Amino acid sequence: MTVIEIRNQIIQKLQEINDLSFLEAVKTIIDSKTEKQKVFYINEEMENILHERKEKIEKGEFIDNDSVFKESEEWLKGK
């Protein structure tokens, strides 16, 4: 059976279903497959910023989330 044949069978069967929660679940599955195909475009400025950030990460010039949260908690205790 080809992809087109299976797709058409699914469409025909879906048209007969009136169960809202089931259809919402199917929609969620379909959305998760189609969202991965979307492309996010960035302008040159954003591309340069991302490149700079990547270089800093490679050099170890960053603070991980746990450290930021810990520092924030310590700072808030002093206030």
N, C-alpha and C. Protein backbone atom coordinates (compact mmCIF):
# COMPACT_ATOMS: atom_id res chain seq x y z
N MET A 1 0.84 -1.17 0.00
CA MET A 1 0.00 0.00 0.00
C MET A 1 0.90 1.25 0.00
N THR A 2 0.54 2.24 -0.76
CA THR A 2 1.36 3.45 -0.87
C THR A 2 0.96 4.46 0.22
N VAL A 3 1.82 5.45 0.37
CA VAL A 3 1.56 6.52 1.34
C VAL A 3 0.24 7.22 1.00
N ILE A 4 0.02 7.49 -0.25
CA ILE A 4 -1.20 8.20 -0.68
C ILE A 4 -2.44 7.37 -0.36
N GLU A 5 -2.37 6.06 -0.59
CA GLU A 5 -3.52 5.20 -0.30
C GLU A 5 -3.83 5.17 1.20
N ILE A 6 -2.79 5.04 2.01
CA ILE A 6 -2.98 5.03 3.46
C ILE A 6 -3.53 6.36 3.93
N ARG A 7 -2.97 7.46 3.43
CA ARG A 7 -3.44 8.79 3.80
C ARG A 7 -4.92 8.96 3.47
N ASN A 8 -5.32 8.52 2.28
CA ASN A 8 -6.73 8.65 1.88
C ASN A 8 -7.64 7.80 2.75
N GLN A 9 -7.21 6.60 3.14
CA GLN A 9 -8.01 5.75 4.02
C GLN A 9 -8.18 6.41 5.39
N ILE A 10 -7.11 6.99 5.89
CA ILE A 10 -7.18 7.67 7.19
C ILE A 10 -8.14 8.84 7.13
N ILE A 11 -8.05 9.62 6.07
CA ILE A 11 -8.95 10.78 5.91
C ILE A 11 -10.41 10.32 5.88
N GLN A 12 -10.69 9.26 5.14
CA GLN A 12 -12.07 8.75 5.05
C GLN A 12 -12.57 8.30 6.42
N LYS A 13 -11.73 7.58 7.16
CA LYS A 13 -12.13 7.10 8.48
C LYS A 13 -12.29 8.25 9.47
N LEU A 14 -11.42 9.25 9.41
CA LEU A 14 -11.53 10.40 10.31
C LEU A 14 -12.83 11.16 10.09
N GLN A 15 -13.30 11.19 8.86
CA GLN A 15 -14.55 11.91 8.57
C GLN A 15 -15.75 11.25 9.22
N GLU A 16 -15.61 9.98 9.61
CA GLU A 16 -16.72 9.25 10.24
C GLU A 16 -16.69 9.36 11.77
N ILE A 17 -15.61 9.88 12.33
CA ILE A 17 -15.44 9.91 13.78
C ILE A 17 -15.99 11.22 14.35
N ASN A 18 -16.78 11.10 15.42
CA ASN A 18 -17.37 12.27 16.07
C ASN A 18 -16.86 12.45 17.50
N ASP A 19 -15.90 11.66 17.91
CA ASP A 19 -15.36 11.72 19.27
C ASP A 19 -14.35 12.86 19.35
N LEU A 20 -14.75 13.95 20.01
CA LEU A 20 -13.92 15.16 20.06
C LEU A 20 -12.56 14.89 20.68
N SER A 21 -12.52 14.19 21.81
CA SER A 21 -11.23 13.96 22.48
C SER A 21 -10.30 13.11 21.62
N PHE A 22 -10.86 12.14 20.91
CA PHE A 22 -10.03 11.32 20.02
C PHE A 22 -9.47 12.17 18.88
N LEU A 23 -10.32 12.99 18.29
CA LEU A 23 -9.87 13.85 17.18
C LEU A 23 -8.82 14.86 17.65
N GLU A 24 -8.98 15.38 18.87
CA GLU A 24 -7.97 16.29 19.40
C GLU A 24 -6.64 15.57 19.59
N ALA A 25 -6.69 14.32 20.03
CA ALA A 25 -5.47 13.53 20.21
C ALA A 25 -4.79 13.29 18.86
N VAL A 26 -5.58 12.95 17.86
CA VAL A 26 -5.03 12.74 16.51
C VAL A 26 -4.43 14.04 15.99
N LYS A 27 -5.11 15.15 16.24
CA LYS A 27 -4.59 16.46 15.79
C LYS A 27 -3.25 16.75 16.46
N THR A 28 -3.13 16.44 17.74
CA THR A 28 -1.87 16.66 18.46
C THR A 28 -0.75 15.86 17.81
N ILE A 29 -1.03 14.61 17.48
CA ILE A 29 -0.02 13.77 16.82
C ILE A 29 0.36 14.37 15.47
N ILE A 30 -0.63 14.76 14.70
CA ILE A 30 -0.36 15.33 13.37
C ILE A 30 0.42 16.63 13.49
N ASP A 31 0.01 17.48 14.44
CA ASP A 31 0.72 18.75 14.64
C ASP A 31 2.18 18.51 15.00
N SER A 32 2.44 17.50 15.82
CA SER A 32 3.83 17.26 16.23
C SER A 32 4.68 16.82 15.06
N LYS A 33 4.09 16.16 14.09
CA LYS A 33 4.85 15.73 12.91
C LYS A 33 5.07 16.88 11.94
N THR A 34 4.09 17.74 11.80
CA THR A 34 4.20 18.82 10.82
C THR A 34 4.98 20.01 11.35
N GLU A 35 4.99 20.23 12.68
CA GLU A 35 5.71 21.36 13.24
C GLU A 35 7.21 21.22 13.05
N LYS A 36 7.71 20.00 13.01
CA LYS A 36 9.14 19.78 12.84
C LYS A 36 9.62 20.22 11.46
N GLN A 37 8.69 20.37 10.53
CA GLN A 37 9.07 20.75 9.18
C GLN A 37 9.13 22.26 8.99
N LYS A 38 8.71 23.00 10.01
CA LYS A 38 8.76 24.46 9.90
C LYS A 38 10.20 24.93 9.98
N VAL A 39 10.49 25.99 9.26
CA VAL A 39 11.83 26.55 9.25
C VAL A 39 11.78 27.92 9.90
N PHE A 40 12.74 28.17 10.77
CA PHE A 40 12.82 29.46 11.45
C PHE A 40 13.96 30.24 10.83
N TYR A 41 13.65 31.39 10.24
CA TYR A 41 14.66 32.21 9.59
C TYR A 41 15.10 33.33 10.53
N ILE A 42 16.40 33.61 10.52
CA ILE A 42 16.92 34.71 11.32
C ILE A 42 17.66 35.68 10.42
N ASN A 43 17.71 36.93 10.87
CA ASN A 43 18.42 37.92 10.07
C ASN A 43 19.92 37.85 10.36
N GLU A 44 20.69 38.63 9.64
CA GLU A 44 22.15 38.59 9.77
C GLU A 44 22.61 38.98 11.17
N GLU A 45 21.95 39.97 11.77
CA GLU A 45 22.32 40.41 13.11
C GLU A 45 22.15 39.28 14.13
N MET A 46 21.02 38.60 14.06
CA MET A 46 20.78 37.47 14.97
C MET A 46 21.78 36.35 14.74
N GLU A 47 22.10 36.10 13.47
CA GLU A 47 23.08 35.06 13.14
C GLU A 47 24.44 35.39 13.76
N ASN A 48 24.84 36.66 13.68
CA ASN A 48 26.11 37.09 14.28
C ASN A 48 26.10 36.92 15.80
N ILE A 49 24.98 37.29 16.43
CA ILE A 49 24.86 37.15 17.88
C ILE A 49 24.98 35.68 18.27
N LEU A 50 24.27 34.82 17.56
CA LEU A 50 24.33 33.38 17.86
C LEU A 50 25.75 32.84 17.68
N HIS A 51 26.43 33.30 16.65
CA HIS A 51 27.80 32.86 16.41
C HIS A 51 28.72 33.30 17.56
N GLU A 52 28.56 34.55 18.01
CA GLU A 52 29.35 35.05 19.13
C GLU A 52 29.08 34.24 20.40
N ARG A 53 27.80 33.95 20.66
CA ARG A 53 27.45 33.18 21.86
C ARG A 53 28.04 31.78 21.80
N LYS A 54 27.99 31.18 20.63
CA LYS A 54 28.55 29.84 20.46
C LYS A 54 30.04 29.84 20.76
N GLU A 55 30.74 30.85 20.27
CA GLU A 55 32.18 30.95 20.54
C GLU A 55 32.45 31.09 22.03
N LYS A 56 31.64 31.90 22.73
CA LYS A 56 31.82 32.07 24.17
C LYS A 56 31.57 30.75 24.91
N ILE A 57 30.56 30.02 24.50
CA ILE A 57 30.29 28.73 25.13
C ILE A 57 31.46 27.78 24.92
N GLU A 58 31.99 27.75 23.71
CA GLU A 58 33.13 26.88 23.42
C GLU A 58 34.36 27.23 24.26
N LYS A 59 34.49 28.52 24.61
CA LYS A 59 35.61 28.97 25.44
C LYS A 59 35.31 28.80 26.93
N GLY A 60 34.09 28.36 27.26
CA GLY A 60 33.72 28.20 28.66
C GLY A 60 33.30 29.49 29.33
N GLU A 61 33.01 30.50 28.56
CA GLU A 61 32.62 31.81 29.10
C GLU A 61 31.10 31.88 29.26
N PHE A 62 30.59 31.12 30.22
CA PHE A 62 29.16 31.13 30.47
C PHE A 62 28.90 30.68 31.90
N ILE A 63 27.68 30.91 32.36
CA ILE A 63 27.25 30.47 33.69
C ILE A 63 26.06 29.55 33.48
N ASP A 64 26.11 28.35 34.06
CA ASP A 64 25.00 27.42 33.90
C ASP A 64 23.81 27.85 34.75
N ASN A 65 22.64 27.33 34.43
CA ASN A 65 21.40 27.72 35.12
C ASN A 65 21.46 27.49 36.62
N ASP A 66 22.00 26.35 37.04
CA ASP A 66 22.06 26.06 38.47
C ASP A 66 22.85 27.14 39.22
N SER A 67 23.96 27.57 38.63
CA SER A 67 24.77 28.61 39.27
C SER A 67 24.02 29.93 39.34
N VAL A 68 23.31 30.26 38.30
CA VAL A 68 22.54 31.51 38.27
C VAL A 68 21.47 31.47 39.36
N PHE A 69 20.75 30.35 39.47
CA PHE A 69 19.72 30.24 40.49
C PHE A 69 20.31 30.32 41.89
N LYS A 70 21.44 29.67 42.09
CA LYS A 70 22.09 29.69 43.40
C LYS A 70 22.52 31.12 43.76
N GLU A 71 23.15 31.81 42.81
CA GLU A 71 23.57 33.19 43.05
C GLU A 71 22.37 34.09 43.33
N SER A 72 21.28 33.87 42.60
CA SER A 72 20.08 34.67 42.80
C SER A 72 19.50 34.45 44.19
N GLU A 73 19.46 33.20 44.63
CA GLU A 73 18.94 32.89 45.97
C GLU A 73 19.80 33.55 47.04
N GLU A 74 21.11 33.48 46.87
CA GLU A 74 22.02 34.10 47.85
C GLU A 74 21.86 35.61 47.87
N TRP A 75 21.70 36.20 46.71
CA TRP A 75 21.52 37.64 46.63
C TRP A 75 20.20 38.05 47.30
N LEU A 76 19.13 37.26 47.04
CA LEU A 76 17.84 37.59 47.64
C LEU A 76 17.85 37.43 49.16
N LYS A 77 18.62 36.51 49.68
CA LYS A 77 18.73 36.33 51.13
C LYS A 77 19.37 37.54 51.78
N GLY A 78 20.27 38.20 51.06
CA GLY A 78 20.96 39.38 51.57
C GLY A 78 20.11 40.63 51.52
N LYS A 79 18.99 40.60 50.88
CA LYS A 79 18.10 41.78 50.75
C LYS A 79 17.12 41.87 51.86
